[in-house]
C-alpha atoms as a PDB file:
ATOM      1  CA  MET A   1     107.368  95.534  93.716  1.00  0.00           C
ATOM      2  CA  SER A   2     107.997  94.065  90.269  1.00  0.00           C
ATOM      3  CA  ASP A   3     108.525  90.557  91.668  1.00  0.00           C
ATOM      4  CA  LEU A   4     105.429  90.905  93.809  1.00  0.00           C
ATOM      5  CA  GLY A   5     103.487  92.042  90.764  1.00  0.00           C
ATOM      6  CA  LEU A   6     104.547  88.965  88.830  1.00  0.00           C
ATOM      7  CA  TRP A   7     103.345  86.656  91.566  1.00  0.00           C
ATOM      8  CA  LEU A   8     100.118  88.450  92.449  1.00  0.00           C
ATOM      9  CA  GLY A   9      98.601  89.908  89.359  1.00  0.00           C
ATOM     10  CA  GLU A  10     100.609  90.657  86.249  1.00  0.00           C
ATOM     11  CA  LEU A  11      99.943  87.465  84.328  1.00  0.00           C
ATOM     12  CA  ALA A  12      96.932  86.122  86.215  1.00  0.00           C
ATOM     13  CA  VAL A  13      95.384  86.205  89.646  1.00  0.00           C
ATOM     14  CA  PHE A  14      95.874  83.307  92.034  1.00  0.00           C
ATOM     15  CA  ASP A  15      94.529  82.127  95.377  1.00  0.00           C
ATOM     16  CA  ALA A  16      97.423  83.987  97.013  1.00  0.00           C
ATOM     17  CA  THR A  17      96.339  87.168  95.245  1.00  0.00           C
ATOM     18  CA  VAL A  18      92.989  87.089  96.999  1.00  0.00           C
ATOM     19  CA  GLU A  19      94.693  86.699 100.375  1.00  0.00           C
ATOM     20  CA  ALA A  20      97.247  89.432  99.637  1.00  0.00           C
ATOM     21  CA  VAL A  21      94.850  92.203  98.597  1.00  0.00           C
ATOM     22  CA  PRO A  22      93.856  93.258 102.155  1.00  0.00           C
ATOM     23  CA  PHE A  23      97.547  93.554 103.040  1.00  0.00           C
ATOM     24  CA  LEU A  24      98.163  95.611  99.894  1.00  0.00           C
ATOM     25  CA  TRP A  25      95.382  97.985 100.948  1.00  0.00           C
ATOM     26  CA  ASP A  26      97.052  98.270 104.373  1.00  0.00           C
ATOM     27  CA  LEU A  27     100.378  99.115 102.713  1.00  0.00           C
ATOM     28  CA  ALA A  28      98.753 101.658 100.413  1.00  0.00           C
ATOM     29  CA  VAL A  29      97.343 103.666 103.330  1.00  0.00           C
ATOM     30  CA  THR A  30     100.447 103.480 105.535  1.00  0.00           C
ATOM     31  CA  ASP A  31     102.429 106.723 105.256  1.00  0.00           C
ATOM     32  CA  SER A  32     105.755 105.090 106.146  1.00  0.00           C
ATOM     33  CA  VAL A  33     105.610 102.775 103.100  1.00  0.00           C
ATOM     34  CA  THR A  34     107.899 104.285 100.485  1.00  0.00           C
ATOM     35  CA  SER A  35     106.368 102.632  97.428  1.00  0.00           C
ATOM     36  CA  ARG A  36     102.687 103.410  97.968  1.00  0.00           C
ATOM     37  CA  PRO A  37     102.111 104.439  94.327  1.00  0.00           C
ATOM     38  CA  GLY A  38     103.499 101.060  93.255  1.00  0.00           C
ATOM     39  CA  VAL A  39     101.220  99.249  95.694  1.00  0.00           C
ATOM     40  CA  ILE A  40      98.216 101.148  94.332  1.00  0.00           C
ATOM     41  CA  GLU A  41      99.271 100.330  90.774  1.00  0.00           C
ATOM     42  CA  LEU A  42      99.531  96.656  91.745  1.00  0.00           C
ATOM     43  CA  LEU A  43      95.962  96.768  93.054  1.00  0.00           C
ATOM     44  CA  GLN A  44      94.879  98.154  89.685  1.00  0.00           C
ATOM     45  CA  THR A  45      96.843  95.437  87.876  1.00  0.00           C
ATOM     46  CA  ILE A  46      95.038  92.789  89.911  1.00  0.00           C
ATOM     47  CA  LEU A  47      91.706  94.343  88.945  1.00  0.00           C
ATOM     48  CA  GLU A  48      92.649  94.338  85.269  1.00  0.00           C
ATOM     49  CA  HIS A  49      93.858  90.731  85.059  1.00  0.00           C
ATOM     50  CA  GLY A  50      92.157  87.437  85.504  1.00  0.00           C
ATOM     51  CA  ASN A  51      92.453  83.716  85.765  1.00  0.00           C
ATOM     52  CA  PRO A  52      90.111  82.192  83.185  1.00  0.00           C
ATOM     53  CA  PRO A  53      90.505  78.583  84.402  1.00  0.00           C
ATOM     54  CA  LYS A  54      89.501  79.706  87.907  1.00  0.00           C
ATOM     55  CA  ILE A  55      86.813  82.335  87.454  1.00  0.00           C
ATOM     56  CA  GLU A  56      85.891  82.151  91.150  1.00  0.00           C
ATOM     57  CA  VAL A  57      89.453  83.165  92.096  1.00  0.00           C
ATOM     58  CA  GLN A  58      89.373  86.047  89.624  1.00  0.00           C
ATOM     59  CA  GLN A  59      86.040  87.211  91.013  1.00  0.00           C
ATOM     60  CA  ALA A  60      87.289  87.048  94.613  1.00  0.00           C
ATOM     61  CA  ALA A  61      90.466  88.975  93.752  1.00  0.00           C
ATOM     62  CA  HIS A  62      88.537  91.621  91.858  1.00  0.00           C
ATOM     63  CA  ARG A  63      85.987  91.917  94.675  1.00  0.00           C
ATOM     64  CA  ALA A  64      88.793  92.416  97.200  1.00  0.00           C
ATOM     65  CA  VAL A  65      90.081  95.350  95.152  1.00  0.00           C
ATOM     66  CA  LEU A  66      86.610  96.741  94.417  1.00  0.00           C
ATOM     67  CA  ASP A  67      85.729  96.628  98.119  1.00  0.00           C
ATOM     68  CA  GLY A  68      88.577  99.056  98.834  1.00  0.00           C
ATOM     69  CA  ARG A  69      87.089 101.879  96.765  1.00  0.00           C
ATOM     70  CA  ASN A  70      86.657 104.138  99.811  1.00  0.00           C
ATOM     71  CA  MET A  71      90.354 103.768 100.620  1.00  0.00           C
ATOM     72  CA  ALA A  72      91.280 104.561  97.016  1.00  0.00           C
ATOM     73  CA  GLU A  73      89.106 107.652  97.140  1.00  0.00           C
ATOM     74  CA  ALA A  74      90.824 108.787 100.355  1.00  0.00           C
ATOM     75  CA  LEU A  75      94.249 108.129  98.799  1.00  0.00           C
ATOM     76  CA  ALA A  76      93.249 110.340  95.864  1.00  0.00           C
ATOM     77  CA  ARG A  77      93.371 113.217  98.377  1.00  0.00           C
ATOM     78  CA  ASP A  78      96.758 112.209  99.843  1.00  0.00           C
ATOM     79  CA  GLU A  79      99.514 114.817 100.259  1.00  0.00           C
ATOM     80  CA  ASP A  80     101.843 112.833  97.972  1.00  0.00           C
ATOM     81  CA  ALA A  81     101.161 113.720  94.322  1.00  0.00           C
ATOM     82  CA  ALA A  82     102.291 110.298  93.078  1.00  0.00           C
ATOM     83  CA  VAL A  83      99.912 108.572  95.490  1.00  0.00           C
ATOM     84  CA  GLN A  84      97.110 110.913  94.391  1.00  0.00           C
ATOM     85  CA  GLY A  85      97.674 110.135  90.715  1.00  0.00           C
ATOM     86  CA  ALA A  86      97.850 106.366  91.193  1.00  0.00           C
ATOM     87  CA  ALA A  87      94.771 106.442  93.423  1.00  0.00           C
ATOM     88  CA  ARG A  88      92.769 108.525  90.942  1.00  0.00           C
ATOM     89  CA  ASP A  89      93.620 106.008  88.229  1.00  0.00           C
ATOM     90  CA  LEU A  90      92.534 103.172  90.530  1.00  0.00           C
ATOM     91  CA  VAL A  91      89.235 104.887  91.399  1.00  0.00           C
ATOM     92  CA  THR A  92      88.548 105.269  87.678  1.00  0.00           C
ATOM     93  CA  ALA A  93      89.412 101.598  87.089  1.00  0.00           C
ATOM     94  CA  ILE A  94      87.120 100.555  89.935  1.00  0.00           C
ATOM     95  CA  ASP A  95      84.261 102.736  88.716  1.00  0.00           C
ATOM     96  CA  THR A  96      84.528 101.451  85.148  1.00  0.00           C
ATOM     97  CA  HIS A  97      85.335  97.822  85.939  1.00  0.00           C
ATOM     98  CA  ILE A  98      83.481  95.351  83.770  1.00  0.00           C
ATOM     99  CA  CYS A  99      84.430  91.722  83.349  1.00  0.00           C
ATOM    100  CA  ALA A 100      82.564  88.493  82.774  1.00  0.00           C
ATOM    101  CA  SER A 101      83.301  87.108  86.232  1.00  0.00           C
ATOM    102  CA  CYS A 102      82.185  90.223  88.094  1.00  0.00           C
ATOM    103  CA  ARG A 103      78.904  90.826  86.274  1.00  0.00           C
ATOM    104  CA  PRO A 104      75.913  90.677  88.569  1.00  0.00           C
ATOM    105  CA  ALA A 105      73.936  87.460  88.217  1.00  0.00           C
END
């Protein structure tokens, strides 16, 4: 997960980040995935970071995370306490997300 985080969102978001977000959502909701809290935390990291030279990439990556709010809300009711906690944090991050690239025109 740490290597994936470095490539997808820790320092900046990239074109690959945008493409990876739907797969991360799929992993987050799949019970057999053992690191679901880490996947959810990576989604939050993507939402919190950007790519100033490529604002359109940052906006697309953020939108991909923001569009999964319903899944995050469902994960906040998961049986696994660690998943619940990570998902609650993500829902809060989604609900309070403000950045220059995501502001409505």
